[in-house]
Amino acid sequence: MPGSAYPAMIDTLRDFLDDLAAAKLDETTIEALAAELQQWRGRLAPLKASEEHRMFGRVDNVPGHGQVMCPAIDIEELDETSVRAQVTFGDYFLGGNAAAHGGAVSLMFDELLGMSANAGPGGVARTAYLHINYRAITPMNRPLTVTATVYAIEGRKRFVRGELKDGERLCADADGLFLELLPGQQ
């Protein structure tokens, strides 16, 4: 797996997406950026790999597993039934009016609750359902606390709850069911 170059590149990509989302671009800059991105697409195309050989989203020691679709989740505590972390929604995740997009919040919960559901013994579990309650505006560009706890296990079913807080203020909470895969399922 990757050395120190991959996490640094992912951090740069996250910063780039935040900068792009926050920028007011002129036509010249848009054209130049589009041309450079097209050149990079040409360089990356021959490197395309099957899912099991890709790095994106598969690097365990990098926030967000080395992918940028979800905001980086920095784990503070993780045990067999719970996880506590910090998450910051950068400008790339803006929904409007200085609030994180609800879809980014739900994606973050899916990642974190899934992490909690898969931390204990047993096989890999996948999301069966995820319910999000948006309680208050989720602020941008500052660390927020997010937690998830497995509160029940019934056979292959793992029930998980989570909370996203800005200090003491509850921004959102989630309830999910994760189902342990049967042998041969992926």
C-alpha atoms as a PDB file:
ATOM      1  CA  MET A   1       0.000   0.000   0.000  1.00  0.00           C
ATOM      2  CA  PRO A   2       0.995   3.639  -0.258  1.00  0.00           C
ATOM      3  CA  GLY A   3       3.767   5.456   1.520  1.00  0.00           C
ATOM      4  CA  SER A   4       3.540   9.061   2.639  1.00  0.00           C
ATOM      5  CA  ALA A   5       2.954  10.433  -0.881  1.00  0.00           C
ATOM      6  CA  TYR A   6      -0.634   9.137  -1.241  1.00  0.00           C
ATOM      7  CA  PRO A   7      -2.063  10.689   1.958  1.00  0.00           C
ATOM      8  CA  ALA A   8      -0.369  14.002   1.082  1.00  0.00           C
ATOM      9  CA  MET A   9      -1.848  13.877  -2.432  1.00  0.00           C
ATOM     10  CA  ILE A  10      -5.342  13.166  -1.030  1.00  0.00           C
ATOM     11  CA  ASP A  11      -4.983  16.122   1.377  1.00  0.00           C
ATOM     12  CA  THR A  12      -3.993  18.324  -1.573  1.00  0.00           C
ATOM     13  CA  LEU A  13      -6.975  17.050  -3.584  1.00  0.00           C
ATOM     14  CA  ARG A  14      -9.338  17.820  -0.683  1.00  0.00           C
ATOM     15  CA  ASP A  15      -7.869  21.337  -0.416  1.00  0.00           C
ATOM     16  CA  PHE A  16      -8.148  21.781  -4.192  1.00  0.00           C
ATOM     17  CA  LEU A  17     -11.849  20.845  -4.166  1.00  0.00           C
ATOM     18  CA  ASP A  18     -12.519  23.251  -1.279  1.00  0.00           C
ATOM     19  CA  ASP A  19     -10.628  26.036  -3.100  1.00  0.00           C
ATOM     20  CA  LEU A  20     -12.468  25.330  -6.351  1.00  0.00           C
ATOM     21  CA  ALA A  21     -15.841  25.351  -4.585  1.00  0.00           C
ATOM     22  CA  ALA A  22     -15.034  28.681  -2.905  1.00  0.00           C
ATOM     23  CA  ALA A  23     -13.610  30.435  -5.992  1.00  0.00           C
ATOM     24  CA  LYS A  24     -15.183  32.957  -8.347  1.00  0.00           C
ATOM     25  CA  LEU A  25     -13.562  31.905 -11.618  1.00  0.00           C
ATOM     26  CA  ASP A  26     -13.073  33.912 -14.814  1.00  0.00           C
ATOM     27  CA  GLU A  27     -13.266  32.300 -18.279  1.00  0.00           C
ATOM     28  CA  THR A  28      -9.482  32.253 -18.752  1.00  0.00           C
ATOM     29  CA  THR A  29      -8.936  30.412 -15.481  1.00  0.00           C
ATOM     30  CA  ILE A  30     -11.768  27.978 -16.261  1.00  0.00           C
ATOM     31  CA  GLU A  31     -10.305  27.180 -19.689  1.00  0.00           C
ATOM     32  CA  ALA A  32      -6.768  26.716 -18.293  1.00  0.00           C
ATOM     33  CA  LEU A  33      -7.967  24.508 -15.464  1.00  0.00           C
ATOM     34  CA  ALA A  34     -10.100  22.406 -17.831  1.00  0.00           C
ATOM     35  CA  ALA A  35      -7.092  21.888 -20.136  1.00  0.00           C
ATOM     36  CA  GLU A  36      -4.807  20.847 -17.270  1.00  0.00           C
ATOM     37  CA  LEU A  37      -7.416  18.494 -15.828  1.00  0.00           C
ATOM     38  CA  GLN A  38      -7.871  16.925 -19.272  1.00  0.00           C
ATOM     39  CA  GLN A  39      -4.095  16.341 -19.447  1.00  0.00           C
ATOM     40  CA  TRP A  40      -4.210  14.607 -16.047  1.00  0.00           C
ATOM     41  CA  ARG A  41      -7.113  12.453 -17.233  1.00  0.00           C
ATOM     42  CA  GLY A  42      -4.913  11.330 -20.102  1.00  0.00           C
ATOM     43  CA  ARG A  43      -2.092  10.448 -17.713  1.00  0.00           C
ATOM     44  CA  LEU A  44      -4.374   8.559 -15.338  1.00  0.00           C
ATOM     45  CA  ALA A  45      -6.423   6.621 -17.912  1.00  0.00           C
ATOM     46  CA  PRO A  46      -3.733   3.980 -18.586  1.00  0.00           C
ATOM     47  CA  LEU A  47      -3.405   3.371 -14.825  1.00  0.00           C
ATOM     48  CA  LYS A  48      -7.036   2.274 -14.403  1.00  0.00           C
ATOM     49  CA  ALA A  49      -7.201  -0.806 -12.151  1.00  0.00           C
ATOM     50  CA  SER A  50      -9.836  -3.264 -11.012  1.00  0.00           C
ATOM     51  CA  GLU A  51     -11.625  -2.416  -7.764  1.00  0.00           C
ATOM     52  CA  GLU A  52      -9.495  -4.693  -5.584  1.00  0.00           C
ATOM     53  CA  HIS A  53      -6.290  -3.013  -6.819  1.00  0.00           C
ATOM     54  CA  ARG A  54      -7.380   0.632  -6.519  1.00  0.00           C
ATOM     55  CA  MET A  55      -6.115   2.846  -3.718  1.00  0.00           C
ATOM     56  CA  PHE A  56      -8.983   5.361  -3.693  1.00  0.00           C
ATOM     57  CA  GLY A  57     -11.274   4.520  -0.759  1.00  0.00           C
ATOM     58  CA  ARG A  58      -9.189   1.505   0.293  1.00  0.00           C
ATOM     59  CA  VAL A  59      -6.399   2.963   2.449  1.00  0.00           C
ATOM     60  CA  ASP A  60      -7.254   2.325   6.091  1.00  0.00           C
ATOM     61  CA  ASN A  61      -4.687   4.643   7.706  1.00  0.00           C
ATOM     62  CA  VAL A  62      -5.860   7.751   5.795  1.00  0.00           C
ATOM     63  CA  PRO A  63      -8.948   9.809   6.770  1.00  0.00           C
ATOM     64  CA  GLY A  64     -11.869   8.809   4.564  1.00  0.00           C
ATOM     65  CA  HIS A  65      -9.906   5.721   3.497  1.00  0.00           C
ATOM     66  CA  GLY A  66      -8.079   7.875   0.961  1.00  0.00           C
ATOM     67  CA  GLN A  67     -11.103   9.090  -0.978  1.00  0.00           C
ATOM     68  CA  VAL A  68     -12.632  12.558  -1.074  1.00  0.00           C
ATOM     69  CA  MET A  69     -16.322  11.871  -1.729  1.00  0.00           C
ATOM     70  CA  CYS A  70     -16.938  11.971   2.030  1.00  0.00           C
ATOM     71  CA  PRO A  71     -15.365  14.579   4.309  1.00  0.00           C
ATOM     72  CA  ALA A  72     -12.299  13.334   6.158  1.00  0.00           C
ATOM     73  CA  ILE A  73     -13.220  11.654   9.420  1.00  0.00           C
ATOM     74  CA  ASP A  74     -10.397  11.775  11.964  1.00  0.00           C
ATOM     75  CA  ILE A  75     -10.874   8.914  14.424  1.00  0.00           C
ATOM     76  CA  GLU A  76     -10.222   9.730  18.092  1.00  0.00           C
ATOM     77  CA  GLU A  77     -11.524   6.506  19.696  1.00  0.00           C
ATOM     78  CA  LEU A  78     -12.590   3.184  18.205  1.00  0.00           C
ATOM     79  CA  ASP A  79     -13.543  -0.041  19.957  1.00  0.00           C
ATOM     80  CA  GLU A  80     -15.720  -3.051  19.099  1.00  0.00           C
ATOM     81  CA  THR A  81     -19.022  -1.192  19.505  1.00  0.00           C
ATOM     82  CA  SER A  82     -18.378   2.531  19.130  1.00  0.00           C
ATOM     83  CA  VAL A  83     -16.383   5.241  17.441  1.00  0.00           C
ATOM     84  CA  ARG A  84     -15.762   8.909  18.257  1.00  0.00           C
ATOM     85  CA  ALA A  85     -14.275  11.226  15.660  1.00  0.00           C
ATOM     86  CA  GLN A  86     -13.879  14.761  14.404  1.00  0.00           C
ATOM     87  CA  VAL A  87     -15.166  15.843  10.987  1.00  0.00           C
ATOM     88  CA  THR A  88     -14.901  19.163   9.164  1.00  0.00           C
ATOM     89  CA  PHE A  89     -17.138  19.969   6.210  1.00  0.00           C
ATOM     90  CA  GLY A  90     -15.045  22.144   3.887  1.00  0.00           C
ATOM     91  CA  ASP A  91     -16.396  24.422   1.142  1.00  0.00           C
ATOM     92  CA  TYR A  92     -16.709  21.473  -1.246  1.00  0.00           C
ATOM     93  CA  PHE A  93     -19.602  20.197   0.922  1.00  0.00           C
ATOM     94  CA  LEU A  94     -21.558  23.475   1.044  1.00  0.00           C
ATOM     95  CA  GLY A  95     -25.309  23.041   0.749  1.00  0.00           C
ATOM     96  CA  GLY A  96     -26.078  26.756   0.982  1.00  0.00           C
ATOM     97  CA  ASN A  97     -26.328  29.522   3.547  1.00  0.00           C
ATOM     98  CA  ALA A  98     -23.091  28.432   5.296  1.00  0.00           C
ATOM     99  CA  ALA A  99     -24.455  24.945   6.036  1.00  0.00           C
ATOM    100  CA  ALA A 100     -23.159  21.534   5.039  1.00  0.00           C
ATOM    101  CA  HIS A 101     -25.180  19.744   2.361  1.00  0.00           C
ATOM    102  CA  GLY A 102     -27.573  17.193   3.843  1.00  0.00           C
ATOM    103  CA  GLY A 103     -26.303  14.547   1.435  1.00  0.00           C
ATOM    104  CA  ALA A 104     -22.749  15.051   2.712  1.00  0.00           C
ATOM    105  CA  VAL A 105     -24.009  14.656   6.281  1.00  0.00           C
ATOM    106  CA  SER A 106     -25.805  11.402   5.410  1.00  0.00           C
ATOM    107  CA  LEU A 107     -22.735  10.101   3.545  1.00  0.00           C
ATOM    108  CA  MET A 108     -20.570  10.876   6.570  1.00  0.00           C
ATOM    109  CA  PHE A 109     -23.020   8.999   8.837  1.00  0.00           C
ATOM    110  CA  ASP A 110     -23.043   6.000   6.489  1.00  0.00           C
ATOM    111  CA  GLU A 111     -19.248   5.873   6.671  1.00  0.00           C
ATOM    112  CA  LEU A 112     -19.050   6.301  10.454  1.00  0.00           C
ATOM    113  CA  LEU A 113     -21.947   4.030  11.421  1.00  0.00           C
ATOM    114  CA  GLY A 114     -20.570   1.410   9.045  1.00  0.00           C
ATOM    115  CA  MET A 115     -17.182   1.719  10.707  1.00  0.00           C
ATOM    116  CA  SER A 116     -18.788   1.068  14.093  1.00  0.00           C
ATOM    117  CA  ALA A 117     -20.884  -1.823  12.743  1.00  0.00           C
ATOM    118  CA  ASN A 118     -17.759  -3.452  11.315  1.00  0.00           C
ATOM    119  CA  ALA A 119     -15.378  -2.836  14.236  1.00  0.00           C
ATOM    120  CA  GLY A 120     -16.405  -5.874  16.293  1.00  0.00           C
ATOM    121  CA  PRO A 121     -16.231  -9.581  15.642  1.00  0.00           C
ATOM    122  CA  GLY A 122     -18.108 -11.114  12.756  1.00  0.00           C
ATOM    123  CA  GLY A 123     -18.043 -10.639   9.043  1.00  0.00           C
ATOM    124  CA  VAL A 124     -18.422  -7.518   6.946  1.00  0.00           C
ATOM    125  CA  ALA A 125     -21.788  -5.754   7.258  1.00  0.00           C
ATOM    126  CA  ARG A 126     -23.379  -3.455   4.698  1.00  0.00           C
ATOM    127  CA  THR A 127     -25.973  -0.711   5.098  1.00  0.00           C
ATOM    128  CA  ALA A 128     -29.535  -2.020   5.001  1.00  0.00           C
ATOM    129  CA  TYR A 129     -31.116   1.294   5.977  1.00  0.00           C
ATOM    130  CA  LEU A 130     -29.993   4.659   7.264  1.00  0.00           C
ATOM    131  CA  HIS A 131     -32.317   7.279   8.726  1.00  0.00           C
ATOM    132  CA  ILE A 132     -31.029  10.807   9.359  1.00  0.00           C
ATOM    133  CA  ASN A 133     -32.719  13.497  11.470  1.00  0.00           C
ATOM    134  CA  TYR A 134     -31.441  16.990  10.704  1.00  0.00           C
ATOM    135  CA  ARG A 135     -31.805  18.873  13.989  1.00  0.00           C
ATOM    136  CA  ALA A 136     -29.884  22.123  13.341  1.00  0.00           C
ATOM    137  CA  ILE A 137     -27.659  23.682  10.706  1.00  0.00           C
ATOM    138  CA  THR A 138     -24.388  21.763  10.295  1.00  0.00           C
ATOM    139  CA  PRO A 139     -21.710  24.482  10.179  1.00  0.00           C
ATOM    140  CA  MET A 140     -18.876  24.592   7.691  1.00  0.00           C
ATOM    141  CA  ASN A 141     -15.108  24.804   8.095  1.00  0.00           C
ATOM    142  CA  ARG A 142     -14.758  23.883  11.748  1.00  0.00           C
ATOM    143  CA  PRO A 143     -14.270  20.596  13.576  1.00  0.00           C
ATOM    144  CA  LEU A 144     -17.447  18.848  14.707  1.00  0.00           C
ATOM    145  CA  THR A 145     -17.765  15.780  16.910  1.00  0.00           C
ATOM    146  CA  VAL A 146     -19.402  12.672  15.540  1.00  0.00           C
ATOM    147  CA  THR A 147     -20.101   9.426  17.379  1.00  0.00           C
ATOM    148  CA  ALA A 148     -21.607   6.053  16.513  1.00  0.00           C
ATOM    149  CA  THR A 149     -22.523   3.119  18.750  1.00  0.00           C
ATOM    150  CA  VAL A 150     -23.795  -0.371  18.040  1.00  0.00           C
ATOM    151  CA  TYR A 151     -26.745  -0.667  20.434  1.00  0.00           C
ATOM    152  CA  ALA A 152     -28.103  -4.088  19.434  1.00  0.00           C
ATOM    153  CA  ILE A 153     -27.115  -7.197  17.522  1.00  0.00           C
ATOM    154  CA  GLU A 154     -29.718  -9.729  16.378  1.00  0.00           C
ATOM    155  CA  GLY A 155     -28.164 -12.520  14.343  1.00  0.00           C
ATOM    156  CA  ARG A 156     -26.745 -10.860  11.219  1.00  0.00           C
ATOM    157  CA  LYS A 157     -28.358  -7.502  12.068  1.00  0.00           C
ATOM    158  CA  ARG A 158     -26.306  -4.714  13.679  1.00  0.00           C
ATOM    159  CA  PHE A 159     -28.265  -1.677  14.858  1.00  0.00           C
ATOM    160  CA  VAL A 160     -26.241   1.536  15.138  1.00  0.00           C
ATOM    161  CA  ARG A 161     -26.974   5.096  16.327  1.00  0.00           C
ATOM    162  CA  GLY A 162     -24.930   8.206  15.698  1.00  0.00           C
ATOM    163  CA  GLU A 163     -24.791  11.901  16.562  1.00  0.00           C
ATOM    164  CA  LEU A 164     -23.148  14.923  14.956  1.00  0.00           C
ATOM    165  CA  LYS A 165     -22.526  17.825  17.323  1.00  0.00           C
ATOM    166  CA  ASP A 166     -21.159  21.343  17.189  1.00  0.00           C
ATOM    167  CA  GLY A 167     -20.054  21.661  20.792  1.00  0.00           C
ATOM    168  CA  GLU A 168     -23.200  20.792  22.783  1.00  0.00           C
ATOM    169  CA  ARG A 169     -25.584  21.572  19.903  1.00  0.00           C
ATOM    170  CA  LEU A 170     -26.970  18.506  18.129  1.00  0.00           C
ATOM    171  CA  CYS A 171     -26.790  19.079  14.370  1.00  0.00           C
ATOM    172  CA  ALA A 172     -28.040  15.651  13.258  1.00  0.00           C
ATOM    173  CA  ASP A 173     -28.559  12.137  14.493  1.00  0.00           C
ATOM    174  CA  ALA A 174     -28.787   8.855  12.650  1.00  0.00           C
ATOM    175  CA  ASP A 175     -30.151   5.369  13.098  1.00  0.00           C
ATOM    176  CA  GLY A 176     -28.991   2.541  10.878  1.00  0.00           C
ATOM    177  CA  LEU A 177     -29.248  -1.153  10.284  1.00  0.00           C
ATOM    178  CA  PHE A 178     -26.196  -2.953   8.950  1.00  0.00           C
ATOM    179  CA  LEU A 179     -26.560  -6.515   7.744  1.00  0.00           C
ATOM    180  CA  GLU A 180     -23.698  -9.014   7.959  1.00  0.00           C
ATOM    181  CA  LEU A 181     -23.039 -10.519   4.552  1.00  0.00           C
ATOM    182  CA  LEU A 182     -23.569 -14.188   3.902  1.00  0.00           C
ATOM    183  CA  PRO A 183     -20.612 -16.299   2.754  1.00  0.00           C
ATOM    184  CA  GLY A 184     -19.887 -15.517  -0.890  1.00  0.00           C
ATOM    185  CA  GLN A 185     -21.542 -12.080  -0.787  1.00  0.00           C
ATOM    186  CA  GLN A 186     -19.458  -8.966  -1.295  1.00  0.00           C
END
